[in-house]
Amino acid sequence: ILETVQLAITGNEAFQFFVALSAALGNSVTIDNSNQTVRIPLLFVKNQLSYSEFNKFCAQYSSLELWQFYSKIGKINEGGHYFLIPTDKNVSENVKLKLKLQLIAMDMGRSVEELEKNFNAYLSCIVPHYAIVASYNGGGEITKIGHLEKMQRMCRFCGRTERNGVTFRKKAHAISELLGNKAIVLCDECDECNGGILNKMEDSLATYFKAVRSLVGVYGKHGIPACKQDAVEIRNTGGRHVGITISNKDNVQFEPVDKDGMRVEFKVECGKYVPLHIYRLLSKFALSVLPDSEFDFKNFERLRKWILGEQMGLMHLPLVAVAVDGSRPPQYPQITIYKRKDQGDERLPLYLVEFYAVAHRFMYELPFLEEDSKLTSRDEWRYLFSTIPSFGKIENWNYDDFS
């Protein structure tokens, strides 16, 4: 599900529009002509999308949304699967989940039934302890969190309103745009916080992900960044291939794999960054996507101040579980927040966050919400994973100290 395209066409005209769109995309689809309705959802495979053909199609249906749709299609890898759903109704979350499992199954060569079984087993471990209070993907439709009316807005971080002299003119991305977030927007973030210390912290985030963003092909505000260092330069144009230029073979190890293959190993330094800024921004992302029903200024007061740069007297933060997973890196960041149930195990953190972006998986607790942090040692992480095995299935977790 890529984008919602709303056009003021109905009936037979809408039917003809979809036939023309299918032809422009270069896919063969089955259409039931008996009552001129389309069987949905329809599966497409990304082929080379001709600009001229699509331009010819758009001449019939002039619409800005169609070019946004074209842009989204262009970012799918060649041969990638996607669904196109012509409908004027909202697609239920349950249907979206089933469609997503089907796409994953096709890309991984596994059955949908197997994935559904694994997913249900995953949830069954979590439900006794945690409830999912927020879950977002940074692609697709624009999602605005917070108050749409400016006069009702109070910044989630500094707590000020327009009456206190702050403004809310800029678009504030709930998750940094440099990580590929194009869709999740926080209305309740003032321009001062958006352009102040939080913006400066993003320099560390950009450095932390520097080489991987180029390799994976994550679109930021100015496209996919290139990474150039010493004898290695990485350039990604968003297609199927990544260009890696090596100007000094002495810094590279070559190992033949077979008669046609070669394994190349080289090291790229990401540069200097402030680890504390990474954890602060990860916490900021979580606080930004919490629904209004969960957000409480008083309960999050210490956390809000810490995100904005205050020390809060804590020398050692909880450890963050980090795993690099490049098998199917997401185009857009994904975040899920779990809240411990009243009857849940109090040895577990109150809020647990799962964040996946640029081939990195993070799992972390929101600090400064209770008297004691929970996940300050490897043993406490092992206890969490033994209590909720679904979280611990990834084998290559590292426990990083971002203090």
Protein backbone atom coordinates (compact mmCIF):
# COMPACT_ATOMS: atom_id res chain seq x y z
CA ILE A 1 0.00 0.00 0.00
CA LEU A 2 1.87 3.01 -1.24
CA GLU A 3 -0.28 6.08 -1.31
CA THR A 4 -3.88 7.25 -1.34
CA VAL A 5 -4.76 8.85 -4.67
CA GLN A 6 -8.07 10.72 -4.51
CA LEU A 7 -9.63 11.78 -7.79
CA ALA A 8 -13.13 13.11 -8.36
CA ILE A 9 -14.15 10.34 -10.75
CA THR A 10 -16.80 7.67 -10.26
CA GLY A 11 -18.63 4.93 -12.10
CA ASN A 12 -17.50 3.97 -15.60
CA GLU A 13 -14.94 6.80 -15.74
CA ALA A 14 -13.25 5.45 -12.63
CA PHE A 15 -13.20 1.98 -14.15
CA GLN A 16 -11.57 3.26 -17.35
CA PHE A 17 -9.06 5.23 -15.25
CA PHE A 18 -7.93 2.08 -13.47
CA VAL A 19 -7.61 0.13 -16.73
CA ALA A 20 -5.44 2.95 -18.13
CA LEU A 21 -3.34 3.09 -14.94
CA SER A 22 -2.73 -0.66 -15.07
CA ALA A 23 -1.57 -0.34 -18.68
CA ALA A 24 0.73 2.56 -17.82
CA LEU A 25 2.31 0.51 -15.04
CA GLY A 26 3.03 -2.28 -17.52
CA ASN A 27 1.25 -4.99 -15.54
CA SER A 28 -1.33 -7.53 -16.67
CA VAL A 29 -4.34 -7.69 -14.33
CA THR A 30 -7.59 -9.62 -14.38
CA ILE A 31 -10.66 -7.37 -14.54
CA ASP A 32 -14.24 -8.55 -14.18
CA ASN A 33 -16.10 -6.79 -17.00
CA SER A 34 -19.53 -8.11 -16.10
CA ASN A 35 -20.31 -5.29 -13.71
CA GLN A 36 -17.25 -3.13 -14.40
CA THR A 37 -15.73 -3.62 -10.99
CA VAL A 38 -12.15 -4.52 -10.18
CA ARG A 39 -11.35 -7.52 -8.05
CA ILE A 40 -9.27 -6.15 -5.18
CA PRO A 41 -6.65 -6.25 -3.92
CA LEU A 42 -4.56 -6.55 -7.09
CA LEU A 43 -0.94 -7.64 -7.01
CA PHE A 44 1.65 -5.81 -9.08
CA VAL A 45 5.31 -6.48 -9.76
CA LYS A 46 7.56 -3.47 -10.25
CA ASN A 47 8.78 -3.26 -13.83
CA GLN A 48 10.73 -0.45 -15.44
CA LEU A 49 8.27 2.45 -15.28
CA SER A 50 8.39 4.57 -18.43
CA TYR A 51 8.27 8.30 -17.72
CA SER A 52 6.89 9.05 -21.19
CA GLU A 53 4.14 6.44 -20.90
CA PHE A 54 3.12 7.70 -17.48
CA ASN A 55 3.24 11.30 -18.71
CA LYS A 56 0.90 10.35 -21.57
CA PHE A 57 -1.47 8.73 -19.06
CA CYS A 58 -1.40 11.80 -16.78
CA ALA A 59 -2.39 14.02 -19.70
CA GLN A 60 -5.84 12.44 -19.43
CA TYR A 61 -6.09 12.73 -15.62
CA SER A 62 -4.18 15.86 -14.56
CA SER A 63 -3.50 15.51 -10.83
CA LEU A 64 -0.63 16.26 -8.46
CA GLU A 65 -1.44 13.10 -6.52
CA LEU A 66 -0.64 10.98 -9.57
CA TRP A 67 2.93 12.31 -9.67
CA GLN A 68 3.32 11.61 -5.94
CA PHE A 69 2.13 8.09 -6.74
CA TYR A 70 4.69 7.85 -9.58
CA SER A 71 7.43 8.92 -7.15
CA LYS A 72 6.45 6.22 -4.66
CA ILE A 73 6.41 3.52 -7.35
CA GLY A 74 9.85 4.65 -8.53
CA LYS A 75 11.41 3.92 -5.13
CA ILE A 76 10.40 0.25 -5.16
CA ASN A 77 13.19 -2.11 -6.18
CA GLU A 78 12.82 -3.67 -9.61
CA GLY A 79 10.87 -6.91 -9.28
CA GLY A 80 9.44 -5.85 -5.91
CA HIS A 81 5.80 -6.63 -5.12
CA TYR A 82 3.10 -4.18 -4.13
CA PHE A 83 -0.70 -4.02 -3.98
CA LEU A 84 -2.89 -1.48 -5.68
CA ILE A 85 -6.33 -1.10 -4.12
CA PRO A 86 -8.89 1.03 -5.96
CA THR A 87 -11.44 2.01 -3.32
CA ASP A 88 -13.07 5.05 -1.80
CA LYS A 89 -13.16 3.42 1.64
CA ASN A 90 -10.50 3.17 4.34
CA VAL A 91 -8.68 -0.15 4.34
CA SER A 92 -8.94 -1.79 7.77
CA GLU A 93 -5.80 -2.41 9.82
CA ASN A 94 -6.56 -6.14 9.77
CA VAL A 95 -6.62 -6.18 5.95
CA LYS A 96 -3.41 -4.12 5.81
CA LEU A 97 -1.69 -6.63 8.09
CA LYS A 98 -2.76 -9.58 5.93
CA LEU A 99 -1.57 -7.83 2.76
CA LYS A 100 1.75 -6.99 4.37
CA LEU A 101 2.26 -10.63 5.39
CA GLN A 102 1.52 -11.70 1.80
CA LEU A 103 4.14 -9.29 0.42
CA ILE A 104 6.74 -10.47 2.94
CA ALA A 105 5.92 -14.11 2.14
CA MET A 106 6.46 -13.56 -1.58
CA ASP A 107 9.74 -11.68 -1.07
CA MET A 108 11.05 -14.35 1.32
CA GLY A 109 9.69 -17.35 -0.60
CA ARG A 110 7.64 -18.54 2.39
CA SER A 111 3.95 -19.34 2.83
CA VAL A 112 1.49 -16.81 4.24
CA GLU A 113 0.18 -19.48 6.61
CA GLU A 114 3.65 -19.96 8.10
CA LEU A 115 4.10 -16.23 8.62
CA GLU A 116 0.65 -15.85 10.20
CA LYS A 117 1.43 -18.72 12.56
CA ASN A 118 4.73 -17.09 13.57
CA PHE A 119 3.08 -13.70 13.97
CA ASN A 120 0.35 -15.10 16.22
CA ALA A 121 2.99 -16.88 18.30
CA TYR A 122 4.87 -13.57 18.53
CA LEU A 123 1.80 -11.78 19.87
CA SER A 124 0.87 -14.53 22.31
CA CYS A 125 4.15 -13.99 24.22
CA ILE A 126 3.64 -10.24 24.44
CA VAL A 127 -0.06 -9.94 25.30
CA PRO A 128 0.20 -11.14 28.95
CA HIS A 129 2.74 -8.38 29.72
CA TYR A 130 2.36 -5.51 27.26
CA ALA A 131 -0.20 -3.63 25.19
CA ILE A 132 0.76 -1.97 21.90
CA VAL A 133 -0.05 1.75 22.32
CA ALA A 134 1.49 3.07 19.08
CA SER A 135 2.74 1.59 15.81
CA TYR A 136 3.75 3.60 12.74
CA ASN A 137 5.52 3.26 9.42
CA GLY A 138 7.23 6.35 7.96
CA GLY A 139 5.94 5.73 4.43
CA GLY A 140 2.51 5.98 2.82
CA GLU A 141 -0.19 8.42 3.82
CA ILE A 142 0.61 11.53 5.85
CA THR A 143 -0.20 10.94 9.52
CA LYS A 144 -0.50 13.97 11.80
CA ILE A 145 -0.14 13.43 15.53
CA GLY A 146 -1.34 15.99 18.05
CA HIS A 147 -3.60 19.03 17.66
CA LEU A 148 -4.39 20.31 14.17
CA GLU A 149 -5.46 23.75 15.45
CA LYS A 150 -2.40 25.88 16.30
CA MET A 151 -4.16 27.64 19.18
CA GLN A 152 -4.63 24.26 20.90
CA ARG A 153 -1.02 23.16 20.55
CA MET A 154 1.39 22.78 23.44
CA CYS A 155 4.91 21.69 22.56
CA ARG A 156 5.49 18.14 23.79
CA PHE A 157 9.07 18.94 24.79
CA CYS A 158 9.25 22.46 26.23
CA GLY A 159 5.56 22.66 27.20
CA ARG A 160 5.05 26.13 25.71
CA THR A 161 2.18 27.45 23.59
CA GLU A 162 1.70 30.39 21.20
CA ARG A 163 0.62 32.42 24.23
CA ASN A 164 4.13 31.80 25.63
CA GLY A 165 5.72 33.22 22.50
CA VAL A 166 6.56 30.09 20.46
CA THR A 167 5.33 29.36 16.94
CA PHE A 168 4.26 26.21 15.11
CA ARG A 169 4.92 27.14 11.47
CA LYS A 170 7.46 24.48 10.45
CA LYS A 171 6.65 20.87 9.61
CA ALA A 172 8.07 18.78 12.45
CA HIS A 173 8.83 15.17 11.50
CA ALA A 174 8.04 12.86 14.41
CA ILE A 175 10.98 10.70 13.26
CA SER A 176 13.97 12.33 11.56
CA GLU A 177 13.52 12.79 7.83
CA LEU A 178 17.12 11.68 7.26
CA LEU A 179 16.04 8.16 8.28
CA GLY A 180 13.48 8.09 5.46
CA ASN A 181 10.40 9.34 7.33
CA LYS A 182 8.12 11.14 4.90
CA ALA A 183 4.74 10.56 6.51
CA ILE A 184 4.68 10.89 10.32
CA VAL A 185 4.33 14.52 11.40
CA LEU A 186 4.07 15.88 14.96
CA CYS A 187 1.87 18.96 15.16
CA ASP A 188 2.73 19.60 18.82
CA GLU A 189 6.41 20.50 18.39
CA CYS A 190 7.28 24.19 18.42
CA ASP A 191 9.65 25.75 15.88
CA GLU A 192 12.22 26.52 18.59
CA CYS A 193 12.57 22.87 19.66
CA ASN A 194 12.34 21.70 16.05
CA GLY A 195 15.16 23.97 14.91
CA GLY A 196 17.17 24.16 18.13
CA ILE A 197 19.05 21.56 20.14
CA LEU A 198 17.06 18.66 18.69
CA ASN A 199 18.14 19.72 15.21
CA LYS A 200 21.79 19.88 16.31
CA MET A 201 21.55 16.36 17.76
CA GLU A 202 20.61 15.08 14.32
CA ASP A 203 24.20 15.71 13.20
CA SER A 204 25.19 12.77 15.42
CA LEU A 205 22.37 10.67 13.98
CA ALA A 206 23.50 11.41 10.40
CA THR A 207 27.08 10.45 11.29
CA TYR A 208 26.03 7.27 13.09
CA PHE A 209 24.20 6.03 9.96
CA LYS A 210 26.51 7.65 7.42
CA ALA A 211 27.81 4.69 5.39
CA VAL A 212 24.76 2.47 5.89
CA ARG A 213 22.36 5.09 4.53
CA SER A 214 24.41 5.11 1.32
CA LEU A 215 24.57 1.32 1.07
CA VAL A 216 20.88 0.70 1.82
CA GLY A 217 19.64 3.68 -0.19
CA VAL A 218 17.61 5.64 2.36
CA TYR A 219 16.15 8.88 1.03
CA GLY A 220 16.63 11.87 3.30
CA LYS A 221 15.63 15.49 2.74
CA HIS A 222 18.18 15.84 -0.08
CA GLY A 223 18.02 12.35 -1.56
CA ILE A 224 20.38 9.46 -0.81
CA PRO A 225 23.66 10.70 0.66
CA ALA A 226 27.00 9.66 -0.81
CA CYS A 227 29.72 8.41 1.51
CA LYS A 228 33.32 9.22 0.57
CA GLN A 229 36.28 8.42 2.78
CA ASP A 230 39.93 7.83 1.97
CA ALA A 231 40.05 5.10 -0.67
CA VAL A 232 36.33 4.21 -0.70
CA GLU A 233 33.35 6.06 -2.17
CA ILE A 234 29.77 4.74 -1.97
CA ARG A 235 27.04 6.12 -4.23
CA ASN A 236 23.45 4.89 -4.44
CA THR A 237 20.99 6.24 -7.00
CA GLY A 238 18.02 4.33 -5.63
CA GLY A 239 18.10 1.61 -8.28
CA ARG A 240 19.09 -2.03 -8.00
CA HIS A 241 22.83 -1.35 -7.91
CA VAL A 242 25.12 0.48 -5.53
CA GLY A 243 28.31 2.03 -6.90
CA ILE A 244 31.38 1.43 -4.73
CA THR A 245 34.61 2.99 -5.99
CA ILE A 246 37.87 1.72 -4.47
CA SER A 247 40.95 3.76 -5.34
CA ASN A 248 43.48 1.95 -3.13
CA LYS A 249 43.44 -1.84 -3.13
CA ASP A 250 45.81 -1.98 -0.15
CA ASN A 251 42.89 -1.13 2.17
CA VAL A 252 40.61 -3.80 0.76
CA GLN A 253 40.49 -7.60 1.07
CA PHE A 254 39.31 -9.60 -1.96
CA GLU A 255 38.22 -13.22 -1.59
CA PRO A 256 36.91 -15.30 -4.53
CA VAL A 257 33.62 -17.05 -3.70
CA ASP A 258 33.19 -19.05 -6.92
CA LYS A 259 34.13 -18.64 -10.57
CA ASP A 260 31.76 -15.66 -10.94
CA GLY A 261 31.68 -14.20 -7.43
CA MET A 262 33.95 -12.12 -5.26
CA ARG A 263 33.70 -11.15 -1.60
CA VAL A 264 35.07 -7.67 -0.90
CA GLU A 265 35.78 -6.47 2.62
CA PHE A 266 36.64 -2.89 3.52
CA LYS A 267 36.22 -0.63 6.51
CA VAL A 268 34.47 2.75 6.50
CA GLU A 269 34.69 4.96 9.57
CA CYS A 270 31.41 6.71 10.24
CA GLY A 271 33.12 9.63 12.00
CA LYS A 272 32.71 11.19 15.43
CA TYR A 273 29.29 11.51 17.04
CA VAL A 274 27.84 11.97 20.54
CA PRO A 275 26.29 8.65 21.68
CA LEU A 276 24.05 10.44 24.18
CA HIS A 277 22.39 12.28 21.30
CA ILE A 278 21.40 8.96 19.70
CA TYR A 279 19.51 7.78 22.80
CA ARG A 280 17.91 11.20 23.28
CA LEU A 281 16.63 11.19 19.70
CA LEU A 282 15.39 7.60 19.96
CA SER A 283 13.42 8.68 23.04
CA LYS A 284 12.22 11.79 21.21
CA PHE A 285 10.86 9.64 18.36
CA ALA A 286 8.87 7.54 20.85
CA LEU A 287 7.49 10.55 22.70
CA SER A 288 6.50 12.11 19.37
CA VAL A 289 4.33 9.20 18.22
CA LEU A 290 2.54 8.50 21.49
CA PRO A 291 -1.21 9.11 21.13
CA ASP A 292 -2.71 12.00 23.09
CA SER A 293 -4.42 9.52 25.40
CA GLU A 294 -0.99 8.24 26.52
CA PHE A 295 0.87 11.54 26.65
CA ASP A 296 0.97 13.24 30.07
CA PHE A 297 3.19 16.30 30.62
CA LYS A 298 3.66 15.60 34.33
CA ASN A 299 4.56 11.93 33.99
CA PHE A 300 7.05 12.66 31.21
CA GLU A 301 8.53 15.81 32.75
CA ARG A 302 11.99 14.40 33.57
CA LEU A 303 12.20 12.62 30.23
CA ARG A 304 11.21 15.77 28.32
CA LYS A 305 13.89 17.84 30.08
CA TRP A 306 16.52 15.18 29.42
CA ILE A 307 15.63 15.01 25.73
CA LEU A 308 16.18 18.78 25.53
CA GLY A 309 19.69 18.45 26.93
CA GLU A 310 19.47 18.52 30.74
CA GLN A 311 21.76 16.05 32.54
CA MET A 312 19.22 14.90 35.18
CA GLY A 313 22.03 13.52 37.37
CA LEU A 314 22.12 10.03 35.81
CA MET A 315 25.61 8.83 34.90
CA HIS A 316 24.66 5.53 33.25
CA LEU A 317 21.65 5.11 31.00
CA PRO A 318 19.88 1.80 30.37
CA LEU A 319 21.54 -0.34 27.72
CA VAL A 320 20.07 -0.28 24.22
CA ALA A 321 19.74 -3.55 22.29
CA VAL A 322 21.00 -3.02 18.71
CA ALA A 323 21.08 -5.50 15.83
CA VAL A 324 22.13 -4.92 12.23
CA ASP A 325 19.75 -6.66 9.83
CA GLY A 326 20.43 -6.02 6.15
CA SER A 327 18.37 -8.91 4.76
CA ARG A 328 15.27 -6.78 4.04
CA PRO A 329 16.06 -3.24 5.21
CA PRO A 330 12.93 -1.08 5.29
CA GLN A 331 12.59 1.92 2.99
CA TYR A 332 10.91 3.82 5.81
CA PRO A 333 11.46 3.77 9.60
CA GLN A 334 9.11 1.66 11.69
CA ILE A 335 8.32 2.18 15.37
CA THR A 336 6.20 0.26 17.87
CA ILE A 337 5.70 1.23 21.52
CA TYR A 338 4.66 -1.28 24.18
CA LYS A 339 3.27 -0.29 27.58
CA ARG A 340 3.43 -2.70 30.51
CA LYS A 341 0.02 -3.84 31.69
CA ASP A 342 -1.09 -3.24 35.27
CA GLN A 343 -0.76 -6.93 36.01
CA GLY A 344 2.53 -7.18 34.12
CA ASP A 345 5.87 -8.13 35.61
CA GLU A 346 7.31 -5.06 37.38
CA ARG A 347 10.84 -6.22 36.59
CA LEU A 348 10.08 -5.17 33.02
CA PRO A 349 10.23 -1.50 31.91
CA LEU A 350 7.04 0.55 31.80
CA TYR A 351 7.52 1.56 28.15
CA LEU A 352 9.49 -0.55 25.70
CA VAL A 353 10.20 0.71 22.18
CA GLU A 354 11.01 -1.26 19.04
CA PHE A 355 12.53 0.88 16.26
CA TYR A 356 13.73 -0.32 12.85
CA ALA A 357 15.50 2.01 10.42
CA VAL A 358 18.43 1.91 7.96
CA ALA A 359 19.02 -1.84 8.51
CA HIS A 360 19.33 -1.29 12.29
CA ARG A 361 16.93 -2.68 14.86
CA PHE A 362 16.80 -0.93 18.23
CA MET A 363 14.99 -2.00 21.35
CA TYR A 364 15.09 0.32 24.35
CA GLU A 365 13.18 1.55 27.35
CA LEU A 366 12.06 5.12 27.90
CA PRO A 367 14.18 6.33 30.83
CA PHE A 368 13.28 8.72 33.68
CA LEU A 369 9.74 7.44 34.06
CA GLU A 370 10.18 5.46 37.26
CA GLU A 371 12.50 5.56 40.25
CA ASP A 372 14.83 2.90 38.81
CA SER A 373 15.77 2.03 35.25
CA LYS A 374 15.18 -1.62 34.38
CA LEU A 375 17.58 -2.56 31.58
CA THR A 376 20.95 -1.46 32.93
CA SER A 377 22.75 -4.79 32.51
CA ARG A 378 22.92 -7.74 30.14
CA ASP A 379 21.29 -9.94 32.80
CA GLU A 380 18.23 -7.70 32.85
CA TRP A 381 18.01 -7.89 29.06
CA ARG A 382 18.30 -11.69 29.25
CA TYR A 383 15.46 -11.71 31.77
CA LEU A 384 13.30 -9.65 29.40
CA PHE A 385 14.04 -11.97 26.48
CA SER A 386 13.41 -15.10 28.56
CA THR A 387 10.09 -13.66 29.78
CA ILE A 388 9.02 -12.57 26.27
CA PRO A 389 10.85 -14.93 23.87
CA SER A 390 9.38 -13.16 20.81
CA PHE A 391 11.62 -10.16 21.47
CA GLY A 392 14.76 -12.27 21.77
CA LYS A 393 14.51 -14.25 18.53
CA ILE A 394 17.10 -12.10 16.80
CA GLU A 395 20.41 -13.76 17.61
CA ASN A 396 22.88 -10.94 17.01
CA TRP A 397 21.73 -8.38 19.59
CA ASN A 398 24.45 -6.13 20.96
CA TYR A 399 23.87 -4.23 24.19
CA ASP A 400 25.21 -0.74 23.66
CA ASP A 401 25.82 1.92 26.28
CA PHE A 402 24.95 5.33 24.81
CA SER A 403 25.79 7.16 28.04
